[in-house]
Amino acid sequence: MSTLPADGFRTPAAGASPHVRQVEEADLPELVRLDAEAFPEGPYPFFTLRQLFDLYPDHMLVLDGGEDGLHGYVLVGMPRRPDRGWILSLGVTRDQRGRGHGRQLMKEVLRRLREDAVREVLLTVEPTNTAAIELYRSLGFAAESAPRKDYFGPNADRLVMSLHL
């Protein structure tokens, strides 16, 4: 059972496992910290995460570790086509990787996208990030034939992957 402490953060009961929940505005400072830890080479600035929260609150989920803080998050952008979504970011803190948290976040966001009648989900991943590529493949994503050179600018190649729901 969750309690609601004075600071407004939902905290799982003592000994409870981290759980996935929708992001709340009060989470933004912690989300900035988490993103910087997960992506030290290029984290989102606070104002970008704020705007993404304002745009996509229903599709921004966090992995709440209670008193330990947030351990991960996933963010989906919904373009003009209501049947298509883009996974914009999936991040898990370094100390929590390899425990299935990324899979947990992805499964929940894909479940919610199915409920929203989304039929196709796309994402990009660094071609050398084999752990992420293996995770996405295990969830049914398929890669384009080759990475797109300079997708995010010079020397920022990305592999585009898609999943039909």
C-alpha atoms as a PDB file:
ATOM      1  CA  MET A   1       0.000   0.000   0.000  1.00  0.00           C
ATOM      2  CA  SER A   2       1.312   3.479  -0.866  1.00  0.00           C
ATOM      3  CA  THR A   3       1.353   6.391   1.511  1.00  0.00           C
ATOM      4  CA  LEU A   4       1.397  10.077   0.642  1.00  0.00           C
ATOM      5  CA  PRO A   5       4.080  11.850   2.700  1.00  0.00           C
ATOM      6  CA  ALA A   6       4.146  15.574   3.389  1.00  0.00           C
ATOM      7  CA  ASP A   7       6.433  16.221   0.394  1.00  0.00           C
ATOM      8  CA  GLY A   8       3.712  14.939  -1.959  1.00  0.00           C
ATOM      9  CA  PHE A   9       5.674  12.026  -3.421  1.00  0.00           C
ATOM     10  CA  ARG A  10       4.032   8.621  -3.461  1.00  0.00           C
ATOM     11  CA  THR A  11       6.141   6.239  -1.435  1.00  0.00           C
ATOM     12  CA  PRO A  12       5.767   2.467  -1.605  1.00  0.00           C
ATOM     13  CA  ALA A  13       5.420   0.647   1.690  1.00  0.00           C
ATOM     14  CA  ALA A  14       8.670  -0.433   3.339  1.00  0.00           C
ATOM     15  CA  GLY A  15      10.244  -3.330   1.465  1.00  0.00           C
ATOM     16  CA  ALA A  16       8.012  -2.844  -1.587  1.00  0.00           C
ATOM     17  CA  SER A  17       9.454  -3.182  -5.066  1.00  0.00           C
ATOM     18  CA  PRO A  18       9.810  -0.122  -7.279  1.00  0.00           C
ATOM     19  CA  HIS A  19       6.589   0.475  -9.188  1.00  0.00           C
ATOM     20  CA  VAL A  20       5.644   2.182 -12.433  1.00  0.00           C
ATOM     21  CA  ARG A  21       3.358   5.187 -12.236  1.00  0.00           C
ATOM     22  CA  GLN A  22       2.479   8.258 -14.242  1.00  0.00           C
ATOM     23  CA  VAL A  23       4.813  11.193 -13.732  1.00  0.00           C
ATOM     24  CA  GLU A  24       3.647  14.104 -11.583  1.00  0.00           C
ATOM     25  CA  GLU A  25       4.733  17.724 -11.788  1.00  0.00           C
ATOM     26  CA  ALA A  26       6.503  17.399  -8.429  1.00  0.00           C
ATOM     27  CA  ASP A  27       8.723  14.688  -9.993  1.00  0.00           C
ATOM     28  CA  LEU A  28      10.378  17.041 -12.483  1.00  0.00           C
ATOM     29  CA  PRO A  29      13.475  17.986 -10.415  1.00  0.00           C
ATOM     30  CA  GLU A  30      14.141  14.299  -9.654  1.00  0.00           C
ATOM     31  CA  LEU A  31      13.476  13.415 -13.300  1.00  0.00           C
ATOM     32  CA  VAL A  32      16.156  15.907 -14.384  1.00  0.00           C
ATOM     33  CA  ARG A  33      18.628  14.215 -12.014  1.00  0.00           C
ATOM     34  CA  LEU A  34      17.675  10.757 -13.279  1.00  0.00           C
ATOM     35  CA  ASP A  35      17.995  11.791 -16.940  1.00  0.00           C
ATOM     36  CA  ALA A  36      21.445  13.315 -16.329  1.00  0.00           C
ATOM     37  CA  GLU A  37      22.566  10.105 -14.642  1.00  0.00           C
ATOM     38  CA  ALA A  38      21.135   7.852 -17.349  1.00  0.00           C
ATOM     39  CA  PHE A  39      22.380  10.013 -20.245  1.00  0.00           C
ATOM     40  CA  PRO A  40      25.442  11.957 -19.030  1.00  0.00           C
ATOM     41  CA  GLU A  41      26.542  12.676 -22.610  1.00  0.00           C
ATOM     42  CA  GLY A  42      23.363  14.571 -23.480  1.00  0.00           C
ATOM     43  CA  PRO A  43      20.594  14.873 -20.897  1.00  0.00           C
ATOM     44  CA  TYR A  44      17.461  16.895 -21.515  1.00  0.00           C
ATOM     45  CA  PRO A  45      17.569  20.345 -19.915  1.00  0.00           C
ATOM     46  CA  PHE A  46      14.915  21.038 -17.270  1.00  0.00           C
ATOM     47  CA  PHE A  47      12.863  23.237 -19.595  1.00  0.00           C
ATOM     48  CA  THR A  48      12.657  20.461 -22.206  1.00  0.00           C
ATOM     49  CA  LEU A  49      11.474  17.864 -19.689  1.00  0.00           C
ATOM     50  CA  ARG A  50       8.974  20.441 -18.396  1.00  0.00           C
ATOM     51  CA  GLN A  51       7.586  20.988 -21.892  1.00  0.00           C
ATOM     52  CA  LEU A  52       7.490  17.252 -22.633  1.00  0.00           C
ATOM     53  CA  PHE A  53       5.582  16.771 -19.368  1.00  0.00           C
ATOM     54  CA  ASP A  54       3.102  19.448 -20.445  1.00  0.00           C
ATOM     55  CA  LEU A  55       2.692  17.847 -23.889  1.00  0.00           C
ATOM     56  CA  TYR A  56       2.638  14.139 -23.004  1.00  0.00           C
ATOM     57  CA  PRO A  57       1.734  13.642 -19.330  1.00  0.00           C
ATOM     58  CA  ASP A  58      -0.293  10.496 -20.047  1.00  0.00           C
ATOM     59  CA  HIS A  59       2.680   8.857 -21.729  1.00  0.00           C
ATOM     60  CA  MET A  60       5.489   9.780 -19.334  1.00  0.00           C
ATOM     61  CA  LEU A  61       5.980   7.071 -16.737  1.00  0.00           C
ATOM     62  CA  VAL A  62       8.486   6.769 -13.911  1.00  0.00           C
ATOM     63  CA  LEU A  63       9.808   3.856 -11.910  1.00  0.00           C
ATOM     64  CA  ASP A  64       9.294   4.976  -8.315  1.00  0.00           C
ATOM     65  CA  GLY A  65      11.646   3.484  -5.747  1.00  0.00           C
ATOM     66  CA  GLY A  66      10.003   5.312  -2.851  1.00  0.00           C
ATOM     67  CA  GLU A  67      12.552   6.749  -0.438  1.00  0.00           C
ATOM     68  CA  ASP A  68      15.304   5.757  -2.893  1.00  0.00           C
ATOM     69  CA  GLY A  69      13.866   8.166  -5.487  1.00  0.00           C
ATOM     70  CA  LEU A  70      13.137   7.544  -9.134  1.00  0.00           C
ATOM     71  CA  HIS A  71      15.038   4.728 -10.833  1.00  0.00           C
ATOM     72  CA  GLY A  72      13.855   5.106 -14.407  1.00  0.00           C
ATOM     73  CA  TYR A  73      11.453   6.667 -16.840  1.00  0.00           C
ATOM     74  CA  VAL A  74       9.956   6.253 -20.282  1.00  0.00           C
ATOM     75  CA  LEU A  75       8.531   9.009 -22.466  1.00  0.00           C
ATOM     76  CA  VAL A  76       6.370   8.650 -25.572  1.00  0.00           C
ATOM     77  CA  GLY A  77       5.657  11.478 -27.988  1.00  0.00           C
ATOM     78  CA  MET A  78       2.416  11.363 -29.913  1.00  0.00           C
ATOM     79  CA  PRO A  79       2.692  12.987 -33.346  1.00  0.00           C
ATOM     80  CA  ARG A  80      -0.238  14.160 -35.456  1.00  0.00           C
ATOM     81  CA  ARG A  81      -1.158  10.610 -36.435  1.00  0.00           C
ATOM     82  CA  PRO A  82      -3.097   9.296 -33.439  1.00  0.00           C
ATOM     83  CA  ASP A  83      -2.265   5.693 -34.357  1.00  0.00           C
ATOM     84  CA  ARG A  84       1.512   6.199 -34.073  1.00  0.00           C
ATOM     85  CA  GLY A  85       3.761   6.917 -31.105  1.00  0.00           C
ATOM     86  CA  TRP A  86       7.485   7.522 -30.671  1.00  0.00           C
ATOM     87  CA  ILE A  87       9.456   6.339 -27.657  1.00  0.00           C
ATOM     88  CA  LEU A  88      11.493   9.500 -27.096  1.00  0.00           C
ATOM     89  CA  SER A  89      13.445   8.253 -24.131  1.00  0.00           C
ATOM     90  CA  LEU A  90      13.890   5.242 -21.880  1.00  0.00           C
ATOM     91  CA  GLY A  91      16.348   5.708 -19.055  1.00  0.00           C
ATOM     92  CA  VAL A  92      17.299   3.702 -15.978  1.00  0.00           C
ATOM     93  CA  THR A  93      19.850   4.782 -13.390  1.00  0.00           C
ATOM     94  CA  ARG A  94      23.164   2.958 -13.689  1.00  0.00           C
ATOM     95  CA  ASP A  95      22.832   1.234 -10.310  1.00  0.00           C
ATOM     96  CA  GLN A  96      19.435  -0.198 -11.286  1.00  0.00           C
ATOM     97  CA  ARG A  97      20.294  -1.543 -14.751  1.00  0.00           C
ATOM     98  CA  GLY A  98      20.057  -5.262 -15.435  1.00  0.00           C
ATOM     99  CA  ARG A  99      17.121  -5.746 -13.052  1.00  0.00           C
ATOM    100  CA  GLY A 100      14.315  -5.688 -15.641  1.00  0.00           C
ATOM    101  CA  HIS A 101      13.227  -2.107 -14.912  1.00  0.00           C
ATOM    102  CA  GLY A 102      13.531  -0.991 -18.550  1.00  0.00           C
ATOM    103  CA  ARG A 103      11.379  -3.941 -19.603  1.00  0.00           C
ATOM    104  CA  GLN A 104       8.854  -3.113 -16.866  1.00  0.00           C
ATOM    105  CA  LEU A 105       8.582   0.497 -18.068  1.00  0.00           C
ATOM    106  CA  MET A 106       8.332  -0.514 -21.725  1.00  0.00           C
ATOM    107  CA  LYS A 107       5.656  -3.159 -21.114  1.00  0.00           C
ATOM    108  CA  GLU A 108       3.498  -0.693 -19.198  1.00  0.00           C
ATOM    109  CA  VAL A 109       3.820   2.096 -21.750  1.00  0.00           C
ATOM    110  CA  LEU A 110       3.093  -0.337 -24.614  1.00  0.00           C
ATOM    111  CA  ARG A 111       0.003  -1.555 -22.727  1.00  0.00           C
ATOM    112  CA  ARG A 112      -1.208   2.030 -22.383  1.00  0.00           C
ATOM    113  CA  LEU A 113      -0.511   2.746 -26.050  1.00  0.00           C
ATOM    114  CA  ARG A 114      -2.589  -0.287 -27.068  1.00  0.00           C
ATOM    115  CA  GLU A 115      -5.443   1.046 -24.908  1.00  0.00           C
ATOM    116  CA  ASP A 116      -5.122   4.365 -26.774  1.00  0.00           C
ATOM    117  CA  ALA A 117      -5.508   2.533 -30.133  1.00  0.00           C
ATOM    118  CA  VAL A 118      -1.920   3.245 -31.168  1.00  0.00           C
ATOM    119  CA  ARG A 119      -0.990   0.783 -33.896  1.00  0.00           C
ATOM    120  CA  GLU A 120       2.692   1.551 -34.494  1.00  0.00           C
ATOM    121  CA  VAL A 121       5.472   2.534 -32.090  1.00  0.00           C
ATOM    122  CA  LEU A 122       8.869   3.756 -33.252  1.00  0.00           C
ATOM    123  CA  LEU A 123      12.099   4.531 -31.457  1.00  0.00           C
ATOM    124  CA  THR A 124      15.727   5.267 -32.147  1.00  0.00           C
ATOM    125  CA  VAL A 125      18.701   3.708 -30.410  1.00  0.00           C
ATOM    126  CA  GLU A 126      22.434   4.158 -30.634  1.00  0.00           C
ATOM    127  CA  PRO A 127      23.690   1.322 -32.880  1.00  0.00           C
ATOM    128  CA  THR A 128      26.320   0.268 -30.317  1.00  0.00           C
ATOM    129  CA  ASN A 129      23.822  -0.013 -27.438  1.00  0.00           C
ATOM    130  CA  THR A 130      23.417  -3.780 -27.712  1.00  0.00           C
ATOM    131  CA  ALA A 131      21.608  -4.158 -24.369  1.00  0.00           C
ATOM    132  CA  ALA A 132      18.882  -1.736 -25.451  1.00  0.00           C
ATOM    133  CA  ILE A 133      18.632  -3.260 -28.930  1.00  0.00           C
ATOM    134  CA  GLU A 134      18.231  -6.732 -27.384  1.00  0.00           C
ATOM    135  CA  LEU A 135      15.522  -5.424 -25.035  1.00  0.00           C
ATOM    136  CA  TYR A 136      13.588  -3.808 -27.877  1.00  0.00           C
ATOM    137  CA  ARG A 137      13.884  -6.909 -30.071  1.00  0.00           C
ATOM    138  CA  SER A 138      12.640  -9.111 -27.229  1.00  0.00           C
ATOM    139  CA  LEU A 139       9.548  -6.880 -27.041  1.00  0.00           C
ATOM    140  CA  GLY A 140       8.908  -7.342 -30.771  1.00  0.00           C
ATOM    141  CA  PHE A 141      10.580  -4.270 -32.267  1.00  0.00           C
ATOM    142  CA  ALA A 142      12.268  -4.728 -35.637  1.00  0.00           C
ATOM    143  CA  ALA A 143      15.139  -2.610 -36.912  1.00  0.00           C
ATOM    144  CA  GLU A 144      15.463  -0.902 -40.248  1.00  0.00           C
ATOM    145  CA  SER A 145      18.096  -2.525 -42.416  1.00  0.00           C
ATOM    146  CA  ALA A 146      20.910  -0.173 -41.395  1.00  0.00           C
ATOM    147  CA  PRO A 147      21.539   2.665 -38.936  1.00  0.00           C
ATOM    148  CA  ARG A 148      20.779   6.165 -40.216  1.00  0.00           C
ATOM    149  CA  LYS A 149      23.986   8.138 -40.431  1.00  0.00           C
ATOM    150  CA  ASP A 150      24.037  11.461 -38.576  1.00  0.00           C
ATOM    151  CA  TYR A 151      20.376  11.037 -37.550  1.00  0.00           C
ATOM    152  CA  PHE A 152      20.831  13.379 -34.570  1.00  0.00           C
ATOM    153  CA  GLY A 153      23.649  15.389 -36.153  1.00  0.00           C
ATOM    154  CA  PRO A 154      27.292  14.714 -36.966  1.00  0.00           C
ATOM    155  CA  ASN A 155      28.502  11.377 -35.578  1.00  0.00           C
ATOM    156  CA  ALA A 156      25.139  10.691 -33.936  1.00  0.00           C
ATOM    157  CA  ASP A 157      23.954   7.689 -35.936  1.00  0.00           C
ATOM    158  CA  ARG A 158      20.777   5.930 -34.819  1.00  0.00           C
ATOM    159  CA  LEU A 159      19.046   2.685 -35.570  1.00  0.00           C
ATOM    160  CA  VAL A 160      15.298   3.196 -36.118  1.00  0.00           C
ATOM    161  CA  MET A 161      13.131   0.374 -34.773  1.00  0.00           C
ATOM    162  CA  SER A 162       9.389  -0.141 -35.024  1.00  0.00           C
ATOM    163  CA  LEU A 163       6.709  -2.311 -33.471  1.00  0.00           C
ATOM    164  CA  HIS A 164       3.217  -2.952 -34.830  1.00  0.00           C
ATOM    165  CA  LEU A 165       0.756  -3.306 -31.949  1.00  0.00           C
END
